[in-house]
Protein backbone atom coordinates (compact mmCIF):
# COMPACT_ATOMS: atom_id res chain seq x y z
CA MET A 1 41.33 -8.40 -19.43
CA LEU A 2 38.30 -6.63 -18.20
CA GLY A 3 39.65 -3.20 -18.84
CA THR A 4 39.06 -1.55 -15.52
CA LYS A 5 38.81 -2.33 -11.80
CA ALA A 6 35.99 -1.76 -9.29
CA THR A 7 36.40 1.22 -6.95
CA GLY A 8 33.34 0.97 -4.92
CA LEU A 9 29.90 -0.26 -4.56
CA SER A 10 26.60 1.12 -3.71
CA SER A 11 24.03 -0.25 -1.45
CA VAL A 12 21.35 -2.68 -2.64
CA GLN A 13 18.74 -0.80 -4.26
CA LYS A 14 16.58 -0.66 -7.45
CA ALA A 15 18.15 1.11 -10.46
CA THR A 16 17.44 1.42 -14.01
CA VAL A 17 19.84 -0.43 -16.51
CA LYS A 18 19.49 0.80 -20.06
CA VAL A 19 20.29 -2.17 -22.51
CA ALA A 20 21.97 -0.73 -25.62
CA ASP A 21 22.86 -3.80 -27.54
CA ARG A 22 19.71 -5.74 -27.98
CA VAL A 23 21.14 -8.33 -30.22
CA HIS A 24 24.03 -9.99 -28.17
CA PRO A 25 22.87 -13.31 -26.63
CA ALA A 26 23.56 -11.92 -23.14
CA SER A 27 21.50 -8.88 -23.65
CA SER A 28 18.86 -9.78 -26.02
CA VAL A 29 16.90 -11.33 -23.42
CA LEU A 30 16.55 -8.27 -21.34
CA PRO A 31 14.15 -5.51 -21.57
CA GLU A 32 15.39 -2.22 -22.84
CA TYR A 33 14.92 -0.55 -19.51
CA TRP A 34 15.69 -3.12 -16.93
CA LYS A 35 15.11 -2.45 -13.32
CA PRO A 36 17.02 -5.05 -11.16
CA THR A 37 17.56 -4.62 -7.45
CA ASP A 38 21.19 -4.94 -6.79
CA ALA A 39 24.44 -3.28 -5.61
CA PHE A 40 26.19 -1.27 -8.56
CA TYR A 41 29.83 -1.06 -8.91
CA ASN A 42 31.89 2.16 -9.85
CA PHE A 43 34.94 1.64 -11.88
CA ALA A 44 38.32 3.37 -12.13
CA GLY A 45 37.71 4.11 -15.72
CA ASN A 46 35.15 3.82 -18.50
CA VAL A 47 35.58 0.77 -20.77
CA ARG A 48 33.97 2.50 -23.76
CA GLY A 49 36.32 2.53 -26.57
CA VAL A 50 38.31 -0.76 -25.17
CA SER A 51 35.21 -2.95 -24.78
CA HIS A 52 31.82 -3.26 -26.23
CA VAL A 53 29.31 -1.79 -23.90
CA LEU A 54 25.91 -3.81 -23.79
CA ALA A 55 24.27 -1.97 -21.09
CA THR A 56 24.69 1.23 -18.68
CA VAL A 57 23.23 2.03 -15.34
CA ASP A 58 21.39 5.38 -14.99
CA GLU A 59 22.84 7.05 -12.10
CA GLY A 60 19.83 9.24 -11.77
CA THR A 61 17.87 6.18 -10.59
CA TYR A 62 19.79 5.27 -7.52
CA SER A 63 22.31 6.70 -5.16
CA GLY A 64 26.02 5.71 -4.82
CA GLY A 65 27.04 6.16 -8.53
CA GLY A 66 30.44 7.80 -9.34
CA MET A 67 30.85 7.64 -13.07
CA GLY A 68 28.25 10.14 -14.43
CA PHE A 69 26.05 9.81 -17.42
CA ASP A 70 27.94 7.02 -19.06
CA HIS A 71 28.18 4.28 -16.52
CA PRO A 72 28.88 0.80 -18.29
CA ILE A 73 27.76 -2.16 -16.33
CA ILE A 74 27.69 -4.89 -18.79
CA TRP A 75 30.27 -5.19 -21.50
CA CYS A 76 32.36 -7.67 -23.50
CA LYS A 77 35.22 -7.73 -25.82
CA ASP A 78 37.23 -10.14 -28.05
CA TYR A 79 40.64 -10.72 -26.29
CA GLN A 80 43.73 -12.29 -27.66
CA GLY A 81 41.78 -14.72 -29.81
CA GLY A 82 39.33 -15.42 -27.10
CA ARG A 83 36.27 -13.80 -25.50
CA SER A 84 35.90 -11.77 -22.39
CA PHE A 85 32.50 -10.81 -20.76
CA TYR A 86 31.75 -8.75 -17.65
CA THR A 87 28.54 -8.09 -15.77
CA GLY A 88 28.50 -5.78 -12.82
CA LEU A 89 25.20 -7.27 -11.59
CA GLY A 90 24.59 -10.40 -9.38
CA GLU A 91 25.90 -8.98 -6.20
CA THR A 92 22.97 -10.34 -4.27
CA SER A 93 21.97 -14.07 -4.01
CA ALA A 94 18.31 -12.86 -4.62
CA GLU A 95 19.39 -11.59 -8.02
CA PHE A 96 20.74 -15.24 -8.98
CA GLN A 97 16.85 -16.44 -8.36
CA ASN A 98 15.53 -13.82 -10.84
CA ASP A 99 14.63 -15.50 -14.24
CA THR A 100 15.64 -12.51 -16.22
CA PHE A 101 19.17 -12.52 -14.59
CA GLN A 102 19.59 -16.21 -15.09
CA ARG A 103 18.83 -15.81 -18.82
CA HIS A 104 21.33 -12.92 -18.98
CA LEU A 105 24.06 -15.13 -17.55
CA GLY A 106 23.02 -18.13 -19.77
CA GLY A 107 23.44 -15.86 -22.89
CA ALA A 108 26.85 -14.71 -21.54
CA ILE A 109 28.14 -18.32 -20.78
CA GLU A 110 27.02 -19.44 -24.16
CA TRP A 111 28.65 -16.42 -25.89
CA ALA A 112 31.91 -16.84 -23.91
CA ALA A 113 32.11 -20.44 -24.83
CA GLY A 114 31.95 -19.74 -28.47
CA ARG A 115 28.35 -21.04 -28.84
CA GLY A 116 26.81 -17.80 -29.63
CA ASP A 117 27.27 -14.81 -32.09
CA GLY A 118 27.65 -11.39 -30.88
CA ASP A 119 29.72 -8.46 -31.81
CA CYS A 120 32.04 -7.44 -29.22
CA GLY A 121 34.33 -5.11 -31.16
CA ALA A 122 34.90 -2.09 -29.11
CA THR A 123 33.24 1.10 -30.13
CA VAL A 124 35.98 3.65 -30.48
CA LEU A 125 34.32 7.18 -30.17
CA ALA A 126 37.53 8.91 -31.30
CA ASN A 127 37.01 7.29 -34.82
CA TYR A 128 33.83 9.16 -35.32
CA GLN A 129 33.11 12.94 -35.99
CA GLN A 130 29.79 14.72 -35.57
CA THR A 131 28.77 17.50 -37.78
CA VAL A 132 25.82 19.55 -36.86
CA ILE A 133 23.73 20.03 -39.88
CA ALA A 134 20.65 21.68 -38.33
CA ALA A 135 20.50 23.03 -34.88
CA PRO A 136 17.81 24.92 -32.90
CA PRO A 137 16.36 27.21 -33.64
CA ASN A 138 16.47 26.49 -37.26
CA ILE A 139 15.81 22.75 -37.37
CA GLY A 140 12.90 23.15 -39.80
CA GLU A 141 11.77 19.51 -39.06
CA PRO A 142 14.56 17.79 -41.23
CA ILE A 143 12.94 15.11 -43.44
CA GLU A 144 16.18 14.18 -45.60
CA PHE A 145 19.59 14.99 -46.39
CA ASP A 146 21.56 14.52 -49.62
CA VAL A 147 25.39 15.00 -49.94
CA PHE A 148 26.88 16.59 -53.03
CA PRO A 149 30.04 15.17 -54.50
CA ASP A 150 31.91 18.37 -53.27
CA GLY A 151 30.79 17.67 -49.66
CA ARG A 152 28.07 20.24 -49.48
CA VAL A 153 24.73 19.07 -47.77
CA ILE A 154 21.09 19.98 -48.92
CA GLN A 155 18.43 19.52 -46.22
CA THR A 156 14.54 18.96 -47.11
CA THR A 157 12.35 20.02 -44.38
CA ARG A 158 8.66 19.33 -43.78
CA PRO A 159 7.50 22.77 -44.94
CA GLY A 160 9.63 22.62 -48.20
């Protein structure tokens, strides 16, 4: 139901959590860059593409990470007509005394109980394709792009 399992836990330390979804009730109460003091789980697999990732932990800001640059720590998903929510935070009793963490949990409980709106559809990265239109050294400060009916793209740059 959660999409993965924990494989390890760091020591208790401060780390930076990057909140990506600033609308969901569980994460809208969090700052964009949150710095909780907690222990952080590593997981057997990345849930991105299976679950909606609300926040990731920056492994460059603590020791003991093992998932790389994309390390989900809070996520949710619609599951068999219900709702599933996971937060990898709250390993210490001190965190439960933190007002920000309490508001995070309150939003999660409200959402899971069906009392709050929040998009928890998974982002399936394989459904998207990136096409580089302008890349260094010829970026030219792009201002606007327009796509012709035949698929060609024209780019307007600051110099003209």
